[in-house]
Amino acid sequence: MNYYYEIKLNFNDIPYSFYEWNNNDRIEIIKKIPLIKVKSSILKNIISNNFKVNNEVLDMIKYKTLCKGNLKIKYSCILCDTKNCIALEFDENGYSIARSNLMLEDDNNICEISYTLKETELKIQKINKIKLNNEFRQETKIKKIINQELIELYKNNDIKKLQYLYLEWFNKKEDNKDVMLKTMFEDLKCEIKKVHYDIYKIIKLSYNKI
C-alpha cells in the first residue's frame, strides 16, 4: 500500500477548490492516507459521479487514514492518475459519502509521484451524477441571501421593499408583487453579475448583520 503524508483535506458532499476553503469548514489534518493510482477513465467517472466500490477496496483502506491526534478515518483514500487526484471517504457499504480537492502543492506532488506508482484495477458502480456548482461559494451565498430575502418580503407582503429592490435591480417600476418575484428569481438563475452584488449590499445594509 502506498501512502501520502502530511496533508490538509476538506471533506464535503461537493468538493471545493482549495482557494474557496473558509474558516467554517471542517479541515482535516491528515498524517497518513492511502494513495491509489487508477486509470484516467475511472478517475474521470469518480470525479463526476457518486459511486460505490466493492468490499475488497474497503478492506484495503480500512482504518489506514491517520489524522492529527491519532484519530483514524475508517474508509478513506486518495485516488489519482498522472494529471488529477481527489480524496474520498466511503461508508461501510462502499458508497462515496464525501470528497475533497487538494491544495495546489499536494495536488502537484501527487501527480508527480503517480508516475512511479503501479496502477490498481478499480471497478466502480456509478450511482448518479454529481451536480457541480460552477459558481464560487461566495457567489452562491450572495444568491441564497437574496433569494431568502425576496421570499420573506413576499410572505410579509412588503410591497414597498420589493418595489425598491426591483427598481434598483432593473431600473424600472413594477406594482405586481408576483411579477416582481418571478422576474427577480429568473434573473438569479443567470450567471452572477454586478447588480446581484449591489442588491446583496442593500440587503446587508438593511440588516447590518448578514
N, C-alpha and C. Protein backbone atom coordinates (compact mmCIF):
# COMPACT_ATOMS: atom_id res chain seq x y z
N MET A 1 0.84 -1.20 0.00
CA MET A 1 0.00 0.00 0.00
C MET A 1 0.88 1.26 0.00
N ASN A 2 0.59 2.18 -0.90
CA ASN A 2 1.29 3.46 -0.94
C ASN A 2 0.52 4.49 -0.11
N TYR A 3 1.27 5.44 0.44
CA TYR A 3 0.64 6.46 1.28
C TYR A 3 1.13 7.85 0.89
N TYR A 4 0.31 8.84 1.23
CA TYR A 4 0.75 10.23 1.14
C TYR A 4 0.67 10.80 2.56
N TYR A 5 1.64 11.66 2.90
CA TYR A 5 1.77 12.11 4.28
C TYR A 5 1.60 13.63 4.42
N GLU A 6 1.11 14.01 5.58
CA GLU A 6 1.02 15.42 5.97
C GLU A 6 0.24 16.24 4.93
N ILE A 7 -1.07 16.18 5.03
CA ILE A 7 -1.92 16.86 4.06
C ILE A 7 -3.18 17.38 4.75
N LYS A 8 -3.68 18.51 4.28
CA LYS A 8 -4.95 19.04 4.78
C LYS A 8 -6.05 18.72 3.78
N LEU A 9 -7.19 18.22 4.28
CA LEU A 9 -8.32 17.88 3.43
C LEU A 9 -9.59 18.53 3.96
N ASN A 10 -10.51 18.78 3.04
CA ASN A 10 -11.77 19.46 3.38
C ASN A 10 -12.93 18.66 2.79
N PHE A 11 -13.36 17.63 3.52
CA PHE A 11 -14.38 16.72 3.00
C PHE A 11 -15.77 17.37 2.99
N ASN A 12 -16.43 17.29 1.83
CA ASN A 12 -17.79 17.79 1.66
C ASN A 12 -18.52 16.92 0.64
N ASP A 13 -19.84 17.10 0.54
CA ASP A 13 -20.60 16.39 -0.49
C ASP A 13 -20.08 16.74 -1.88
N ILE A 14 -19.82 18.03 -2.07
CA ILE A 14 -19.26 18.53 -3.32
C ILE A 14 -17.91 19.17 -2.99
N PRO A 15 -16.84 18.79 -3.66
CA PRO A 15 -15.52 19.32 -3.29
C PRO A 15 -15.34 20.77 -3.71
N TYR A 16 -14.76 21.57 -2.83
CA TYR A 16 -14.45 22.96 -3.14
C TYR A 16 -12.98 23.09 -3.50
N SER A 17 -12.69 23.99 -4.43
CA SER A 17 -11.29 24.29 -4.73
C SER A 17 -10.63 24.85 -3.48
N PHE A 18 -9.34 24.60 -3.33
CA PHE A 18 -8.66 24.95 -2.08
C PHE A 18 -8.76 26.44 -1.77
N TYR A 19 -8.83 27.30 -2.81
CA TYR A 19 -8.89 28.74 -2.55
C TYR A 19 -10.27 29.19 -2.07
N GLU A 20 -11.24 28.25 -2.04
CA GLU A 20 -12.56 28.58 -1.51
C GLU A 20 -12.79 28.02 -0.11
N TRP A 21 -11.79 27.35 0.43
CA TRP A 21 -11.95 26.84 1.79
C TRP A 21 -12.06 28.03 2.74
N ASN A 22 -12.91 27.90 3.76
CA ASN A 22 -13.04 29.00 4.71
C ASN A 22 -12.99 28.51 6.15
N ASN A 23 -13.07 29.44 7.08
CA ASN A 23 -12.89 29.12 8.50
C ASN A 23 -14.00 28.24 9.07
N ASN A 24 -15.13 28.20 8.39
CA ASN A 24 -16.24 27.38 8.87
C ASN A 24 -16.13 25.92 8.42
N ASP A 25 -15.21 25.64 7.53
CA ASP A 25 -15.03 24.27 7.04
C ASP A 25 -14.34 23.41 8.10
N ARG A 26 -14.65 22.13 8.06
CA ARG A 26 -14.01 21.18 8.98
C ARG A 26 -12.77 20.62 8.28
N ILE A 27 -11.66 21.33 8.42
CA ILE A 27 -10.42 20.93 7.76
C ILE A 27 -9.77 19.79 8.55
N GLU A 28 -9.53 18.69 7.85
CA GLU A 28 -8.87 17.54 8.49
C GLU A 28 -7.36 17.63 8.27
N ILE A 29 -6.60 17.51 9.34
CA ILE A 29 -5.14 17.46 9.21
C ILE A 29 -4.75 15.99 9.21
N ILE A 30 -4.37 15.51 8.04
CA ILE A 30 -4.11 14.09 7.84
C ILE A 30 -2.61 13.81 7.95
N LYS A 31 -2.26 12.84 8.78
CA LYS A 31 -0.86 12.46 8.93
C LYS A 31 -0.44 11.42 7.89
N LYS A 32 -1.40 10.55 7.52
CA LYS A 32 -1.11 9.49 6.55
C LYS A 32 -2.41 9.02 5.92
N ILE A 33 -2.40 8.83 4.59
CA ILE A 33 -3.61 8.39 3.90
C ILE A 33 -3.23 7.50 2.71
N PRO A 34 -3.95 6.41 2.46
CA PRO A 34 -3.66 5.56 1.31
C PRO A 34 -3.73 6.33 0.00
N LEU A 35 -2.78 6.05 -0.88
CA LEU A 35 -2.72 6.69 -2.20
C LEU A 35 -2.79 5.60 -3.26
N ILE A 36 -3.82 5.68 -4.10
CA ILE A 36 -4.07 4.63 -5.08
C ILE A 36 -4.15 5.23 -6.48
N LYS A 37 -3.32 4.71 -7.38
CA LYS A 37 -3.35 5.16 -8.77
C LYS A 37 -4.33 4.30 -9.56
N VAL A 38 -5.20 4.97 -10.34
CA VAL A 38 -6.19 4.25 -11.14
C VAL A 38 -6.14 4.75 -12.58
N LYS A 39 -6.87 4.08 -13.45
CA LYS A 39 -6.94 4.51 -14.85
C LYS A 39 -7.59 5.88 -14.94
N SER A 40 -7.14 6.67 -15.92
CA SER A 40 -7.69 8.01 -16.09
C SER A 40 -9.19 7.99 -16.37
N SER A 41 -9.64 6.99 -17.12
CA SER A 41 -11.06 6.88 -17.45
C SER A 41 -11.89 6.63 -16.18
N ILE A 42 -11.33 5.83 -15.27
CA ILE A 42 -12.02 5.55 -14.00
C ILE A 42 -12.04 6.80 -13.13
N LEU A 43 -10.90 7.49 -13.06
CA LEU A 43 -10.83 8.69 -12.22
C LEU A 43 -11.79 9.77 -12.72
N LYS A 44 -11.92 9.87 -14.02
CA LYS A 44 -12.85 10.84 -14.60
C LYS A 44 -14.28 10.57 -14.12
N ASN A 45 -14.67 9.29 -14.12
CA ASN A 45 -16.00 8.92 -13.64
C ASN A 45 -16.14 9.16 -12.14
N ILE A 46 -15.07 8.91 -11.40
CA ILE A 46 -15.09 9.10 -9.95
C ILE A 46 -15.28 10.58 -9.60
N ILE A 47 -14.59 11.45 -10.33
CA ILE A 47 -14.68 12.89 -10.06
C ILE A 47 -16.07 13.42 -10.35
N SER A 48 -16.74 12.86 -11.40
CA SER A 48 -18.04 13.42 -11.79
C SER A 48 -19.26 12.68 -11.26
N ASN A 49 -19.06 11.58 -10.52
CA ASN A 49 -20.20 10.78 -10.08
C ASN A 49 -20.09 10.34 -8.62
N ASN A 50 -21.24 10.18 -7.99
CA ASN A 50 -21.29 9.39 -6.77
C ASN A 50 -21.19 7.94 -7.19
N PHE A 51 -20.51 7.12 -6.41
CA PHE A 51 -20.25 5.76 -6.86
C PHE A 51 -20.09 4.82 -5.68
N LYS A 52 -19.95 3.54 -5.99
CA LYS A 52 -19.78 2.52 -4.97
C LYS A 52 -18.59 1.65 -5.33
N VAL A 53 -17.80 1.27 -4.31
CA VAL A 53 -16.70 0.32 -4.51
C VAL A 53 -17.03 -0.98 -3.79
N ASN A 54 -16.29 -2.03 -4.12
CA ASN A 54 -16.58 -3.33 -3.50
C ASN A 54 -15.85 -3.48 -2.16
N ASN A 55 -16.15 -4.57 -1.47
CA ASN A 55 -15.57 -4.82 -0.14
C ASN A 55 -14.06 -4.98 -0.18
N GLU A 56 -13.55 -5.42 -1.31
CA GLU A 56 -12.10 -5.60 -1.44
C GLU A 56 -11.38 -4.26 -1.27
N VAL A 57 -11.95 -3.23 -1.86
CA VAL A 57 -11.37 -1.89 -1.74
C VAL A 57 -11.48 -1.40 -0.30
N LEU A 58 -12.65 -1.61 0.31
CA LEU A 58 -12.85 -1.18 1.70
C LEU A 58 -11.85 -1.86 2.63
N ASP A 59 -11.65 -3.15 2.43
CA ASP A 59 -10.70 -3.89 3.28
C ASP A 59 -9.27 -3.37 3.11
N MET A 60 -8.97 -2.94 1.88
CA MET A 60 -7.63 -2.48 1.57
C MET A 60 -7.30 -1.16 2.29
N ILE A 61 -8.32 -0.32 2.50
CA ILE A 61 -8.06 1.02 3.07
C ILE A 61 -8.58 1.17 4.50
N LYS A 62 -9.17 0.13 5.05
CA LYS A 62 -9.84 0.23 6.36
C LYS A 62 -8.90 0.70 7.47
N TYR A 63 -9.29 1.80 8.11
CA TYR A 63 -8.55 2.39 9.24
C TYR A 63 -7.10 2.72 8.92
N LYS A 64 -6.81 2.98 7.66
CA LYS A 64 -5.42 3.28 7.28
C LYS A 64 -5.17 4.77 7.09
N THR A 65 -6.21 5.58 7.30
CA THR A 65 -6.03 7.03 7.26
C THR A 65 -5.89 7.54 8.68
N LEU A 66 -4.74 8.13 8.96
CA LEU A 66 -4.44 8.60 10.31
C LEU A 66 -4.50 10.13 10.35
N CYS A 67 -5.33 10.65 11.26
CA CYS A 67 -5.49 12.09 11.41
C CYS A 67 -4.66 12.61 12.59
N LYS A 68 -4.59 13.92 12.70
CA LYS A 68 -3.93 14.54 13.85
C LYS A 68 -4.59 14.07 15.14
N GLY A 69 -3.81 13.77 16.15
CA GLY A 69 -4.35 13.26 17.40
C GLY A 69 -4.53 11.76 17.39
N ASN A 70 -3.95 11.11 16.36
CA ASN A 70 -4.03 9.65 16.21
C ASN A 70 -5.45 9.11 16.01
N LEU A 71 -6.35 9.98 15.56
CA LEU A 71 -7.69 9.53 15.18
C LEU A 71 -7.61 8.90 13.80
N LYS A 72 -8.50 7.95 13.53
CA LYS A 72 -8.49 7.26 12.25
C LYS A 72 -9.83 7.41 11.53
N ILE A 73 -9.76 7.60 10.22
CA ILE A 73 -10.96 7.58 9.39
C ILE A 73 -11.10 6.15 8.88
N LYS A 74 -12.29 5.59 9.02
CA LYS A 74 -12.46 4.17 8.73
C LYS A 74 -12.18 3.83 7.27
N TYR A 75 -12.81 4.55 6.35
CA TYR A 75 -12.62 4.25 4.92
C TYR A 75 -12.32 5.54 4.17
N SER A 76 -11.07 5.75 3.84
CA SER A 76 -10.68 6.96 3.13
C SER A 76 -9.40 6.71 2.33
N CYS A 77 -9.25 7.44 1.24
CA CYS A 77 -8.04 7.31 0.41
C CYS A 77 -7.98 8.46 -0.57
N ILE A 78 -6.83 8.58 -1.22
CA ILE A 78 -6.68 9.50 -2.35
C ILE A 78 -6.54 8.65 -3.61
N LEU A 79 -7.36 8.96 -4.61
CA LEU A 79 -7.25 8.29 -5.91
C LEU A 79 -6.64 9.27 -6.90
N CYS A 80 -5.75 8.77 -7.75
CA CYS A 80 -5.04 9.66 -8.66
C CYS A 80 -4.72 8.98 -9.98
N ASP A 81 -4.45 9.81 -10.99
CA ASP A 81 -3.73 9.36 -12.17
C ASP A 81 -2.54 10.31 -12.28
N THR A 82 -2.02 10.56 -13.45
CA THR A 82 -0.85 11.45 -13.54
C THR A 82 -1.24 12.92 -13.73
N LYS A 83 -2.55 13.18 -13.81
CA LYS A 83 -2.99 14.56 -14.06
C LYS A 83 -3.94 15.10 -13.00
N ASN A 84 -4.66 14.21 -12.34
CA ASN A 84 -5.67 14.64 -11.37
C ASN A 84 -5.65 13.75 -10.14
N CYS A 85 -6.22 14.25 -9.06
CA CYS A 85 -6.37 13.43 -7.86
C CYS A 85 -7.52 13.98 -7.01
N ILE A 86 -8.07 13.11 -6.18
CA ILE A 86 -9.17 13.51 -5.30
C ILE A 86 -9.17 12.60 -4.07
N ALA A 87 -9.46 13.19 -2.92
CA ALA A 87 -9.57 12.41 -1.69
C ALA A 87 -11.03 12.03 -1.48
N LEU A 88 -11.25 10.81 -1.00
CA LEU A 88 -12.62 10.30 -0.85
C LEU A 88 -12.81 9.62 0.49
N GLU A 89 -14.07 9.65 0.93
CA GLU A 89 -14.46 8.92 2.13
C GLU A 89 -15.66 8.05 1.77
N PHE A 90 -15.70 6.83 2.31
CA PHE A 90 -16.76 5.88 1.99
C PHE A 90 -17.48 5.43 3.25
N ASP A 91 -18.74 4.99 3.07
CA ASP A 91 -19.43 4.39 4.20
C ASP A 91 -19.16 2.89 4.22
N GLU A 92 -19.77 2.18 5.15
CA GLU A 92 -19.49 0.75 5.32
C GLU A 92 -20.00 -0.11 4.17
N ASN A 93 -20.88 0.46 3.35
CA ASN A 93 -21.39 -0.28 2.19
C ASN A 93 -20.62 0.03 0.91
N GLY A 94 -19.62 0.90 1.03
CA GLY A 94 -18.79 1.21 -0.13
C GLY A 94 -19.23 2.41 -0.93
N TYR A 95 -20.27 3.12 -0.45
CA TYR A 95 -20.73 4.30 -1.18
C TYR A 95 -19.85 5.50 -0.85
N SER A 96 -19.52 6.29 -1.87
CA SER A 96 -18.76 7.52 -1.64
C SER A 96 -19.67 8.51 -0.91
N ILE A 97 -19.22 9.03 0.21
CA ILE A 97 -20.07 9.92 1.01
C ILE A 97 -19.48 11.32 1.16
N ALA A 98 -18.19 11.48 0.89
CA ALA A 98 -17.56 12.80 0.99
C ALA A 98 -16.30 12.81 0.14
N ARG A 99 -15.95 14.01 -0.30
CA ARG A 99 -14.76 14.14 -1.16
C ARG A 99 -14.09 15.47 -0.91
N SER A 100 -12.82 15.52 -1.24
CA SER A 100 -12.06 16.76 -1.04
C SER A 100 -11.07 16.95 -2.18
N ASN A 101 -11.03 18.17 -2.70
CA ASN A 101 -9.92 18.53 -3.56
C ASN A 101 -8.70 18.77 -2.69
N LEU A 102 -7.56 18.90 -3.33
CA LEU A 102 -6.32 19.06 -2.58
C LEU A 102 -5.77 20.46 -2.76
N MET A 103 -4.93 20.87 -1.84
CA MET A 103 -4.21 22.12 -2.01
C MET A 103 -3.24 21.96 -3.17
N LEU A 104 -2.91 23.06 -3.81
CA LEU A 104 -2.17 23.02 -5.08
C LEU A 104 -0.86 22.26 -4.97
N GLU A 105 -0.10 22.51 -3.92
CA GLU A 105 1.20 21.85 -3.78
C GLU A 105 1.04 20.34 -3.65
N ASP A 106 0.07 19.91 -2.86
CA ASP A 106 -0.17 18.47 -2.69
C ASP A 106 -0.67 17.85 -3.99
N ASP A 107 -1.53 18.56 -4.68
CA ASP A 107 -2.04 18.07 -5.96
C ASP A 107 -0.90 17.83 -6.94
N ASN A 108 -0.01 18.82 -7.05
CA ASN A 108 1.14 18.69 -7.96
C ASN A 108 2.08 17.56 -7.53
N ASN A 109 2.33 17.47 -6.23
CA ASN A 109 3.22 16.42 -5.72
C ASN A 109 2.69 15.03 -6.04
N ILE A 110 1.39 14.83 -5.80
CA ILE A 110 0.80 13.51 -6.02
C ILE A 110 0.80 13.15 -7.50
N CYS A 111 0.52 14.12 -8.34
CA CYS A 111 0.56 13.84 -9.79
C CYS A 111 1.96 13.44 -10.23
N GLU A 112 2.97 14.05 -9.63
CA GLU A 112 4.36 13.67 -9.94
C GLU A 112 4.66 12.28 -9.40
N ILE A 113 4.27 12.03 -8.16
CA ILE A 113 4.50 10.73 -7.53
C ILE A 113 3.81 9.61 -8.32
N SER A 114 2.66 9.91 -8.87
CA SER A 114 1.85 8.88 -9.53
C SER A 114 2.57 8.22 -10.71
N TYR A 115 3.54 8.92 -11.29
CA TYR A 115 4.31 8.32 -12.40
C TYR A 115 5.09 7.10 -11.93
N THR A 116 5.40 7.05 -10.65
CA THR A 116 6.19 5.94 -10.11
C THR A 116 5.32 4.82 -9.53
N LEU A 117 4.01 5.04 -9.49
CA LEU A 117 3.11 4.07 -8.86
C LEU A 117 2.56 3.07 -9.85
N LYS A 118 2.31 1.89 -9.36
CA LYS A 118 1.66 0.87 -10.16
C LYS A 118 0.15 1.12 -10.15
N GLU A 119 -0.45 0.98 -11.32
CA GLU A 119 -1.89 1.23 -11.46
C GLU A 119 -2.70 0.10 -10.83
N THR A 120 -3.70 0.46 -10.05
CA THR A 120 -4.59 -0.51 -9.42
C THR A 120 -5.86 -0.65 -10.25
N GLU A 121 -6.25 -1.89 -10.49
CA GLU A 121 -7.51 -2.14 -11.22
C GLU A 121 -8.67 -1.88 -10.26
N LEU A 122 -9.42 -0.84 -10.55
CA LEU A 122 -10.52 -0.46 -9.67
C LEU A 122 -11.84 -0.47 -10.44
N LYS A 123 -12.77 -1.25 -9.94
CA LYS A 123 -14.09 -1.30 -10.55
C LYS A 123 -15.06 -0.53 -9.66
N ILE A 124 -15.86 0.32 -10.29
CA ILE A 124 -16.83 1.10 -9.53
C ILE A 124 -18.22 0.94 -10.12
N GLN A 125 -19.19 1.18 -9.28
CA GLN A 125 -20.58 1.19 -9.73
C GLN A 125 -21.08 2.64 -9.64
N LYS A 126 -21.32 3.26 -10.79
CA LYS A 126 -21.79 4.64 -10.78
C LYS A 126 -23.21 4.70 -10.23
N ILE A 127 -23.47 5.66 -9.35
CA ILE A 127 -24.79 5.81 -8.75
C ILE A 127 -25.55 6.96 -9.40
N ASN A 128 -24.99 8.14 -9.34
CA ASN A 128 -25.61 9.29 -10.01
C ASN A 128 -24.57 10.38 -10.22
N LYS A 129 -24.91 11.29 -11.11
CA LYS A 129 -24.02 12.39 -11.48
C LYS A 129 -23.98 13.41 -10.34
N ILE A 130 -22.81 13.93 -10.06
CA ILE A 130 -22.69 14.99 -9.07
C ILE A 130 -23.06 16.31 -9.74
N LYS A 131 -23.93 17.06 -9.07
CA LYS A 131 -24.34 18.36 -9.60
C LYS A 131 -23.34 19.40 -9.12
N LEU A 132 -22.31 19.59 -9.91
CA LEU A 132 -21.27 20.54 -9.54
C LEU A 132 -21.76 21.96 -9.78
N ASN A 133 -21.49 22.84 -8.84
CA ASN A 133 -21.85 24.25 -8.97
C ASN A 133 -20.62 24.99 -9.48
N ASN A 134 -20.76 25.59 -10.67
CA ASN A 134 -19.62 26.27 -11.28
C ASN A 134 -19.34 27.64 -10.64
N GLU A 135 -20.28 28.10 -9.83
CA GLU A 135 -20.07 29.38 -9.17
C GLU A 135 -19.20 29.20 -7.93
N PHE A 136 -18.53 30.29 -7.54
CA PHE A 136 -17.76 30.27 -6.32
C PHE A 136 -18.70 30.26 -5.12
N ARG A 137 -18.19 29.84 -3.99
CA ARG A 137 -19.02 29.75 -2.79
C ARG A 137 -19.62 31.11 -2.42
N GLN A 138 -18.83 32.18 -2.53
CA GLN A 138 -19.32 33.50 -2.16
C GLN A 138 -20.47 33.91 -3.07
N GLU A 139 -20.36 33.58 -4.35
CA GLU A 139 -21.43 33.91 -5.29
C GLU A 139 -22.71 33.15 -4.94
N THR A 140 -22.55 31.89 -4.59
CA THR A 140 -23.70 31.07 -4.20
C THR A 140 -24.35 31.64 -2.94
N LYS A 141 -23.51 32.06 -1.99
CA LYS A 141 -24.03 32.63 -0.74
C LYS A 141 -24.82 33.91 -1.02
N ILE A 142 -24.30 34.76 -1.89
CA ILE A 142 -24.97 36.01 -2.23
C ILE A 142 -26.35 35.74 -2.82
N LYS A 143 -26.41 34.82 -3.76
CA LYS A 143 -27.70 34.49 -4.38
C LYS A 143 -28.67 33.90 -3.36
N LYS A 144 -28.16 33.08 -2.47
CA LYS A 144 -29.01 32.44 -1.46
C LYS A 144 -29.62 33.49 -0.54
N ILE A 145 -28.83 34.46 -0.11
CA ILE A 145 -29.32 35.50 0.79
C ILE A 145 -30.36 36.37 0.09
N ILE A 146 -30.09 36.71 -1.17
CA ILE A 146 -31.08 37.49 -1.94
C ILE A 146 -32.38 36.71 -2.06
N ASN A 147 -32.25 35.45 -2.39
CA ASN A 147 -33.41 34.58 -2.56
C ASN A 147 -34.25 34.53 -1.27
N GLN A 148 -33.58 34.34 -0.14
CA GLN A 148 -34.28 34.26 1.15
C GLN A 148 -34.98 35.58 1.48
N GLU A 149 -34.31 36.69 1.19
CA GLU A 149 -34.89 38.00 1.47
C GLU A 149 -36.14 38.23 0.62
N LEU A 150 -36.08 37.87 -0.64
CA LEU A 150 -37.24 38.05 -1.53
C LEU A 150 -38.43 37.24 -1.04
N ILE A 151 -38.17 36.02 -0.61
CA ILE A 151 -39.25 35.16 -0.11
C ILE A 151 -39.89 35.77 1.13
N GLU A 152 -39.07 36.28 2.04
CA GLU A 152 -39.60 36.89 3.27
C GLU A 152 -40.42 38.14 2.96
N LEU A 153 -39.91 38.97 2.06
CA LEU A 153 -40.65 40.19 1.69
C LEU A 153 -41.98 39.84 1.05
N TYR A 154 -41.96 38.81 0.23
CA TYR A 154 -43.19 38.38 -0.44
C TYR A 154 -44.19 37.83 0.58
N LYS A 155 -43.72 36.99 1.49
CA LYS A 155 -44.60 36.41 2.51
C LYS A 155 -45.21 37.48 3.41
N ASN A 156 -44.40 38.50 3.73
CA ASN A 156 -44.85 39.57 4.62
C ASN A 156 -45.60 40.67 3.87
N ASN A 157 -45.74 40.45 2.57
CA ASN A 157 -46.45 41.42 1.72
C ASN A 157 -45.83 42.82 1.81
N ASP A 158 -44.51 42.85 1.90
CA ASP A 158 -43.78 44.12 1.99
C ASP A 158 -43.53 44.65 0.57
N ILE A 159 -44.58 45.20 0.00
CA ILE A 159 -44.53 45.64 -1.40
C ILE A 159 -43.51 46.75 -1.60
N LYS A 160 -43.42 47.67 -0.65
CA LYS A 160 -42.51 48.81 -0.81
C LYS A 160 -41.06 48.36 -0.95
N LYS A 161 -40.64 47.41 -0.10
CA LYS A 161 -39.26 46.92 -0.19
C LYS A 161 -39.03 46.13 -1.47
N LEU A 162 -40.03 45.34 -1.86
CA LEU A 162 -39.92 44.60 -3.13
C LEU A 162 -39.78 45.56 -4.30
N GLN A 163 -40.59 46.61 -4.27
CA GLN A 163 -40.53 47.61 -5.35
C GLN A 163 -39.18 48.31 -5.38
N TYR A 164 -38.67 48.61 -4.19
CA TYR A 164 -37.37 49.28 -4.11
C TYR A 164 -36.26 48.40 -4.70
N LEU A 165 -36.24 47.13 -4.30
CA LEU A 165 -35.23 46.22 -4.83
C LEU A 165 -35.40 46.03 -6.33
N TYR A 166 -36.63 45.92 -6.77
CA TYR A 166 -36.90 45.73 -8.19
C TYR A 166 -36.41 46.94 -9.00
N LEU A 167 -36.67 48.13 -8.48
CA LEU A 167 -36.23 49.35 -9.15
C LEU A 167 -34.70 49.42 -9.23
N GLU A 168 -34.04 49.07 -8.13
CA GLU A 168 -32.58 49.07 -8.12
C GLU A 168 -32.02 48.00 -9.05
N TRP A 169 -32.76 46.93 -9.18
CA TRP A 169 -32.33 45.78 -9.96
C TRP A 169 -32.47 46.04 -11.46
N PHE A 170 -33.67 46.49 -11.86
CA PHE A 170 -33.98 46.58 -13.30
C PHE A 170 -34.17 48.01 -13.80
N ASN A 171 -34.05 48.97 -12.88
CA ASN A 171 -34.20 50.37 -13.24
C ASN A 171 -35.56 50.68 -13.87
N LYS A 172 -36.57 50.04 -13.36
CA LYS A 172 -37.95 50.32 -13.80
C LYS A 172 -38.90 49.92 -12.68
N LYS A 173 -40.11 50.47 -12.74
CA LYS A 173 -41.09 50.23 -11.68
C LYS A 173 -42.01 49.07 -12.03
N GLU A 174 -42.49 48.43 -10.99
CA GLU A 174 -43.47 47.34 -11.15
C GLU A 174 -44.32 47.29 -9.88
N ASP A 175 -45.62 47.12 -10.04
CA ASP A 175 -46.53 47.11 -8.89
C ASP A 175 -46.98 45.71 -8.49
N ASN A 176 -46.94 44.79 -9.44
CA ASN A 176 -47.43 43.44 -9.18
C ASN A 176 -46.34 42.63 -8.47
N LYS A 177 -46.62 42.21 -7.24
CA LYS A 177 -45.58 41.51 -6.47
C LYS A 177 -45.24 40.15 -7.05
N ASP A 178 -46.21 39.49 -7.69
CA ASP A 178 -45.93 38.20 -8.32
C ASP A 178 -44.98 38.35 -9.50
N VAL A 179 -45.21 39.39 -10.28
CA VAL A 179 -44.34 39.67 -11.43
C VAL A 179 -42.94 40.01 -10.95
N MET A 180 -42.86 40.83 -9.91
CA MET A 180 -41.55 41.21 -9.37
C MET A 180 -40.78 39.99 -8.89
N LEU A 181 -41.45 39.17 -8.09
CA LEU A 181 -40.78 37.99 -7.53
C LEU A 181 -40.31 37.05 -8.63
N LYS A 182 -41.18 36.78 -9.58
CA LYS A 182 -40.84 35.86 -10.66
C LYS A 182 -39.67 36.39 -11.48
N THR A 183 -39.69 37.68 -11.79
CA THR A 183 -38.64 38.28 -12.62
C THR A 183 -37.29 38.25 -11.90
N MET A 184 -37.31 38.56 -10.61
CA MET A 184 -36.05 38.55 -9.85
C MET A 184 -35.52 37.13 -9.66
N PHE A 185 -36.41 36.20 -9.41
CA PHE A 185 -36.00 34.79 -9.29
C PHE A 185 -35.36 34.30 -10.59
N GLU A 186 -35.97 34.66 -11.70
CA GLU A 186 -35.44 34.23 -13.01
C GLU A 186 -34.05 34.80 -13.24
N ASP A 187 -33.85 36.05 -12.84
CA ASP A 187 -32.54 36.67 -13.04
C ASP A 187 -31.48 36.05 -12.15
N LEU A 188 -31.89 35.56 -10.98
CA LEU A 188 -30.93 34.90 -10.08
C LEU A 188 -30.43 33.58 -10.64
N LYS A 189 -31.16 33.02 -11.59
CA LYS A 189 -30.73 31.77 -12.22
C LYS A 189 -29.58 31.99 -13.19
N CYS A 190 -29.40 33.24 -13.61
CA CYS A 190 -28.33 33.57 -14.56
C CYS A 190 -26.98 33.64 -13.84
N GLU A 191 -25.93 33.72 -14.61
CA GLU A 191 -24.60 33.90 -14.03
C GLU A 191 -24.57 35.18 -13.22
N ILE A 192 -23.89 35.15 -12.09
CA ILE A 192 -23.89 36.30 -11.19
C ILE A 192 -23.32 37.53 -11.90
N LYS A 193 -23.90 38.69 -11.60
CA LYS A 193 -23.46 39.93 -12.23
C LYS A 193 -23.43 41.05 -11.21
N LYS A 194 -23.00 42.22 -11.64
CA LYS A 194 -22.78 43.33 -10.71
C LYS A 194 -24.04 43.68 -9.93
N VAL A 195 -25.18 43.68 -10.59
CA VAL A 195 -26.42 44.07 -9.91
C VAL A 195 -26.74 43.14 -8.74
N HIS A 196 -26.36 41.87 -8.84
CA HIS A 196 -26.59 40.94 -7.73
C HIS A 196 -25.77 41.35 -6.51
N TYR A 197 -24.53 41.76 -6.74
CA TYR A 197 -23.70 42.25 -5.64
C TYR A 197 -24.30 43.51 -5.03
N ASP A 198 -24.83 44.38 -5.90
CA ASP A 198 -25.45 45.63 -5.42
C ASP A 198 -26.67 45.35 -4.56
N ILE A 199 -27.52 44.43 -5.01
CA ILE A 199 -28.72 44.07 -4.25
C ILE A 199 -28.33 43.44 -2.92
N TYR A 200 -27.32 42.59 -2.96
CA TYR A 200 -26.82 41.96 -1.73
C TYR A 200 -26.36 43.01 -0.72
N LYS A 201 -25.65 44.03 -1.20
CA LYS A 201 -25.17 45.09 -0.31
C LYS A 201 -26.33 45.87 0.30
N ILE A 202 -27.37 46.10 -0.50
CA ILE A 202 -28.56 46.80 0.00
C ILE A 202 -29.21 46.00 1.12
N ILE A 203 -29.36 44.70 0.89
CA ILE A 203 -29.96 43.82 1.90
C ILE A 203 -29.09 43.77 3.15
N LYS A 204 -27.79 43.68 2.93
CA LYS A 204 -26.86 43.61 4.05
C LYS A 204 -26.93 44.87 4.91
N LEU A 205 -27.01 46.02 4.25
CA LEU A 205 -27.10 47.29 4.97
C LEU A 205 -28.42 47.41 5.73
N SER A 206 -29.47 46.86 5.15
CA SER A 206 -30.79 46.97 5.79
C SER A 206 -30.84 46.18 7.10
N TYR A 207 -30.03 45.14 7.19
CA TYR A 207 -29.99 44.34 8.42
C TYR A 207 -28.76 44.66 9.26
N ASN A 208 -27.70 44.99 8.54
CA ASN A 208 -26.41 45.27 9.17
C ASN A 208 -25.92 44.13 10.05
N LYS A 209 -26.29 42.89 9.62
CA LYS A 209 -25.87 41.74 10.43
C LYS A 209 -25.70 40.47 9.62
N ILE A 210 -25.90 40.53 8.32
CA ILE A 210 -25.76 39.34 7.48
C ILE A 210 -24.29 39.01 7.33
